[in-house]
N, C-alpha and C. Protein backbone atom coordinates (compact mmCIF):
# COMPACT_ATOMS: atom_id res chain seq x y z
N UNK A 1 2.37 -7.69 -9.32
CA UNK A 1 3.65 -7.26 -8.81
C UNK A 1 4.41 -8.48 -8.31
N UNK A 2 5.66 -8.52 -8.62
CA UNK A 2 6.50 -9.64 -8.18
C UNK A 2 6.54 -9.68 -6.66
N UNK A 3 6.30 -10.85 -6.11
CA UNK A 3 6.39 -10.99 -4.67
C UNK A 3 5.25 -10.35 -3.90
N UNK A 4 4.22 -9.93 -4.60
CA UNK A 4 3.11 -9.24 -3.95
C UNK A 4 2.42 -10.05 -2.87
N UNK A 5 2.22 -11.33 -3.14
CA UNK A 5 1.57 -12.21 -2.15
C UNK A 5 2.43 -12.36 -0.90
N UNK A 6 3.73 -12.49 -1.09
CA UNK A 6 4.63 -12.62 0.05
C UNK A 6 4.60 -11.35 0.88
N UNK A 7 4.66 -10.22 0.19
CA UNK A 7 4.64 -8.95 0.92
C UNK A 7 3.30 -8.72 1.60
N UNK A 8 2.21 -9.13 0.96
CA UNK A 8 0.91 -9.00 1.60
C UNK A 8 0.89 -9.80 2.90
N UNK A 9 1.47 -10.97 2.89
CA UNK A 9 1.54 -11.79 4.11
C UNK A 9 2.32 -11.06 5.20
N UNK A 10 3.41 -10.40 4.81
CA UNK A 10 4.19 -9.63 5.78
C UNK A 10 3.37 -8.47 6.33
N UNK A 11 2.68 -7.77 5.44
CA UNK A 11 1.84 -6.66 5.90
C UNK A 11 0.80 -7.16 6.89
N UNK A 12 0.17 -8.28 6.56
CA UNK A 12 -0.89 -8.80 7.41
C UNK A 12 -0.38 -9.22 8.78
N UNK A 13 0.87 -9.66 8.84
CA UNK A 13 1.42 -10.06 10.13
C UNK A 13 1.62 -8.86 11.05
N UNK A 14 1.61 -7.66 10.50
CA UNK A 14 1.76 -6.44 11.29
C UNK A 14 0.45 -6.02 11.95
N UNK A 15 -0.63 -6.69 11.60
CA UNK A 15 -1.95 -6.30 12.10
C UNK A 15 -2.39 -7.19 13.26
N UNK A 16 -3.24 -6.64 14.09
CA UNK A 16 -3.63 -7.32 15.33
C UNK A 16 -4.87 -8.21 15.19
N UNK A 17 -5.83 -7.79 14.38
CA UNK A 17 -7.10 -8.50 14.34
C UNK A 17 -7.41 -9.01 12.93
N UNK A 18 -8.30 -9.98 12.87
CA UNK A 18 -8.74 -10.51 11.58
C UNK A 18 -9.45 -9.43 10.76
N UNK A 19 -10.18 -8.57 11.43
CA UNK A 19 -10.88 -7.47 10.75
C UNK A 19 -9.86 -6.53 10.08
N UNK A 20 -8.77 -6.20 10.78
CA UNK A 20 -7.73 -5.37 10.19
C UNK A 20 -7.07 -6.08 9.01
N UNK A 21 -6.85 -7.38 9.15
CA UNK A 21 -6.23 -8.15 8.05
C UNK A 21 -7.11 -8.14 6.81
N UNK A 22 -8.40 -8.32 7.00
CA UNK A 22 -9.34 -8.31 5.87
C UNK A 22 -9.36 -6.94 5.20
N UNK A 23 -9.43 -5.90 6.00
CA UNK A 23 -9.46 -4.53 5.47
C UNK A 23 -8.18 -4.24 4.67
N UNK A 24 -7.03 -4.63 5.22
CA UNK A 24 -5.77 -4.38 4.53
C UNK A 24 -5.68 -5.18 3.24
N UNK A 25 -6.13 -6.41 3.27
CA UNK A 25 -6.14 -7.23 2.05
C UNK A 25 -6.97 -6.55 0.98
N UNK A 26 -8.15 -6.08 1.36
CA UNK A 26 -9.03 -5.41 0.41
C UNK A 26 -8.39 -4.14 -0.14
N UNK A 27 -7.78 -3.34 0.74
CA UNK A 27 -7.14 -2.09 0.31
C UNK A 27 -5.96 -2.38 -0.62
N UNK A 28 -5.16 -3.36 -0.26
CA UNK A 28 -4.00 -3.72 -1.07
C UNK A 28 -4.45 -4.17 -2.46
N UNK A 29 -5.40 -5.09 -2.51
CA UNK A 29 -5.86 -5.61 -3.79
C UNK A 29 -6.52 -4.52 -4.65
N UNK A 30 -7.22 -3.61 -4.01
CA UNK A 30 -7.94 -2.58 -4.75
C UNK A 30 -7.02 -1.49 -5.28
N UNK A 31 -5.95 -1.18 -4.58
CA UNK A 31 -5.14 -0.01 -4.93
C UNK A 31 -3.74 -0.29 -5.44
N UNK A 32 -3.25 -1.50 -5.32
CA UNK A 32 -1.84 -1.77 -5.62
C UNK A 32 -1.45 -1.42 -7.06
N UNK A 33 -2.27 -1.74 -8.03
CA UNK A 33 -1.88 -1.49 -9.42
C UNK A 33 -1.96 -0.01 -9.77
N UNK A 34 -2.95 0.69 -9.25
CA UNK A 34 -3.04 2.14 -9.49
C UNK A 34 -1.84 2.85 -8.86
N UNK A 35 -1.47 2.42 -7.66
CA UNK A 35 -0.32 3.04 -7.00
C UNK A 35 0.98 2.70 -7.72
N UNK A 36 1.09 1.48 -8.22
CA UNK A 36 2.27 1.10 -8.99
C UNK A 36 2.35 1.93 -10.27
N UNK A 37 1.24 2.09 -10.93
CA UNK A 37 1.21 2.90 -12.16
C UNK A 37 1.65 4.34 -11.85
N UNK A 38 1.14 4.89 -10.76
CA UNK A 38 1.52 6.24 -10.37
C UNK A 38 3.02 6.32 -10.08
N UNK A 39 3.55 5.36 -9.35
CA UNK A 39 4.98 5.34 -9.04
C UNK A 39 5.81 5.24 -10.32
N UNK A 40 5.33 4.47 -11.27
CA UNK A 40 6.05 4.33 -12.55
C UNK A 40 6.10 5.65 -13.31
N UNK A 41 5.07 6.46 -13.20
CA UNK A 41 5.09 7.76 -13.89
C UNK A 41 6.13 8.69 -13.29
N UNK A 42 6.47 8.45 -12.03
CA UNK A 42 7.45 9.31 -11.36
C UNK A 42 8.87 8.82 -11.60
N UNK A 43 9.13 7.54 -11.38
CA UNK A 43 10.52 7.06 -11.41
C UNK A 43 10.87 6.19 -12.61
N UNK A 44 9.89 5.73 -13.35
CA UNK A 44 10.13 4.99 -14.61
C UNK A 44 11.08 3.80 -14.46
N UNK A 45 10.97 3.12 -13.34
CA UNK A 45 11.77 1.93 -13.10
C UNK A 45 10.88 0.96 -12.33
N UNK A 46 10.61 -0.19 -12.92
CA UNK A 46 9.65 -1.14 -12.35
C UNK A 46 10.02 -1.56 -10.92
N UNK A 47 11.26 -1.97 -10.73
CA UNK A 47 11.67 -2.44 -9.40
C UNK A 47 11.59 -1.34 -8.35
N UNK A 48 12.04 -0.14 -8.71
CA UNK A 48 11.99 0.97 -7.76
C UNK A 48 10.55 1.39 -7.47
N UNK A 49 9.70 1.32 -8.49
CA UNK A 49 8.29 1.66 -8.30
C UNK A 49 7.62 0.65 -7.36
N UNK A 50 7.92 -0.62 -7.57
CA UNK A 50 7.37 -1.65 -6.68
C UNK A 50 7.85 -1.45 -5.25
N UNK A 51 9.12 -1.12 -5.09
CA UNK A 51 9.66 -0.85 -3.75
C UNK A 51 8.94 0.32 -3.10
N UNK A 52 8.69 1.37 -3.88
CA UNK A 52 7.99 2.54 -3.35
C UNK A 52 6.59 2.18 -2.87
N UNK A 53 5.88 1.37 -3.65
CA UNK A 53 4.52 0.96 -3.27
C UNK A 53 4.58 0.08 -2.03
N UNK A 54 5.49 -0.86 -2.00
CA UNK A 54 5.60 -1.74 -0.82
C UNK A 54 5.96 -0.94 0.42
N UNK A 55 6.89 0.00 0.28
CA UNK A 55 7.26 0.83 1.43
C UNK A 55 6.10 1.72 1.87
N UNK A 56 5.29 2.14 0.92
CA UNK A 56 4.10 2.93 1.26
C UNK A 56 3.14 2.09 2.10
N UNK A 57 2.91 0.85 1.71
CA UNK A 57 2.01 0.00 2.48
C UNK A 57 2.58 -0.30 3.87
N UNK A 58 3.88 -0.42 3.98
CA UNK A 58 4.47 -0.62 5.30
C UNK A 58 4.24 0.62 6.17
N UNK A 59 4.40 1.79 5.58
CA UNK A 59 4.12 3.03 6.33
C UNK A 59 2.67 3.11 6.76
N UNK A 60 1.79 2.68 5.87
CA UNK A 60 0.35 2.68 6.21
C UNK A 60 0.09 1.75 7.38
N UNK A 61 0.74 0.59 7.38
CA UNK A 61 0.54 -0.35 8.48
C UNK A 61 1.09 0.20 9.80
N UNK A 62 2.17 0.93 9.72
CA UNK A 62 2.75 1.49 10.94
C UNK A 62 1.84 2.55 11.56
N UNK A 63 0.99 3.15 10.74
CA UNK A 63 0.04 4.16 11.22
C UNK A 63 -1.39 3.72 10.88
N UNK A 64 -1.66 2.45 11.09
CA UNK A 64 -2.92 1.86 10.66
C UNK A 64 -4.14 2.56 11.23
N UNK A 65 -4.04 3.08 12.44
CA UNK A 65 -5.20 3.75 13.06
C UNK A 65 -5.65 4.94 12.22
N UNK A 66 -4.71 5.57 11.56
CA UNK A 66 -5.00 6.74 10.74
C UNK A 66 -5.62 6.37 9.39
N UNK A 67 -5.23 5.23 8.83
CA UNK A 67 -5.58 4.92 7.45
C UNK A 67 -6.67 3.87 7.24
N UNK A 68 -6.79 2.91 8.12
CA UNK A 68 -7.70 1.79 7.84
C UNK A 68 -9.17 2.16 7.88
N UNK A 69 -9.52 3.26 8.53
CA UNK A 69 -10.92 3.64 8.60
C UNK A 69 -11.31 4.72 7.60
N UNK A 70 -10.41 5.08 6.71
CA UNK A 70 -10.72 6.09 5.70
C UNK A 70 -11.64 5.52 4.63
N UNK A 71 -12.38 6.39 3.98
CA UNK A 71 -13.17 5.97 2.83
C UNK A 71 -12.20 5.56 1.71
N UNK A 72 -12.70 4.87 0.74
CA UNK A 72 -11.87 4.41 -0.38
C UNK A 72 -11.17 5.59 -1.05
N UNK A 73 -11.91 6.64 -1.30
CA UNK A 73 -11.37 7.83 -1.96
C UNK A 73 -10.28 8.50 -1.11
N UNK A 74 -10.55 8.66 0.18
CA UNK A 74 -9.57 9.29 1.06
C UNK A 74 -8.33 8.42 1.24
N UNK A 75 -8.53 7.10 1.29
CA UNK A 75 -7.38 6.21 1.37
C UNK A 75 -6.51 6.36 0.13
N UNK A 76 -7.13 6.36 -1.04
CA UNK A 76 -6.36 6.48 -2.29
C UNK A 76 -5.57 7.78 -2.31
N UNK A 77 -6.22 8.87 -1.91
CA UNK A 77 -5.53 10.16 -1.89
C UNK A 77 -4.31 10.10 -0.96
N UNK A 78 -4.50 9.57 0.21
CA UNK A 78 -3.41 9.47 1.17
C UNK A 78 -2.31 8.55 0.66
N UNK A 79 -2.69 7.42 0.09
CA UNK A 79 -1.71 6.46 -0.41
C UNK A 79 -0.90 7.05 -1.57
N UNK A 80 -1.53 7.82 -2.42
CA UNK A 80 -0.82 8.45 -3.53
C UNK A 80 0.25 9.41 -3.00
N UNK A 81 -0.10 10.17 -1.97
CA UNK A 81 0.87 11.09 -1.37
C UNK A 81 2.04 10.32 -0.77
N UNK A 82 1.73 9.23 -0.07
CA UNK A 82 2.78 8.41 0.53
C UNK A 82 3.69 7.82 -0.55
N UNK A 83 3.10 7.28 -1.61
CA UNK A 83 3.89 6.71 -2.70
C UNK A 83 4.76 7.79 -3.33
N UNK A 84 4.19 8.96 -3.58
CA UNK A 84 4.99 10.05 -4.16
C UNK A 84 6.19 10.36 -3.28
N UNK A 85 5.97 10.42 -1.98
CA UNK A 85 7.08 10.71 -1.06
C UNK A 85 8.11 9.58 -1.05
N UNK A 86 7.67 8.33 -1.19
CA UNK A 86 8.59 7.20 -1.22
C UNK A 86 9.42 7.19 -2.51
N UNK A 87 8.81 7.68 -3.59
CA UNK A 87 9.54 7.75 -4.87
C UNK A 87 10.66 8.75 -4.78
């Protein structure tokens, strides 16, 4: 994704601890392309899909207590719903 590294840095600055930063990095790297693909199926515009995914990650960071401790499967489910709503 264009600018993904820059945005990841912004996301990480929203976190308080190194443990949270590591977890978010792992979640971002693991799910970003699947979420982008899902967003593309909804809006069929690359830039808008990327914006939806980035905005979803910002929302996740704003409610990090709710999302960072979820299992991989539960995180993906939640992230897909957030991306759908952002689209």
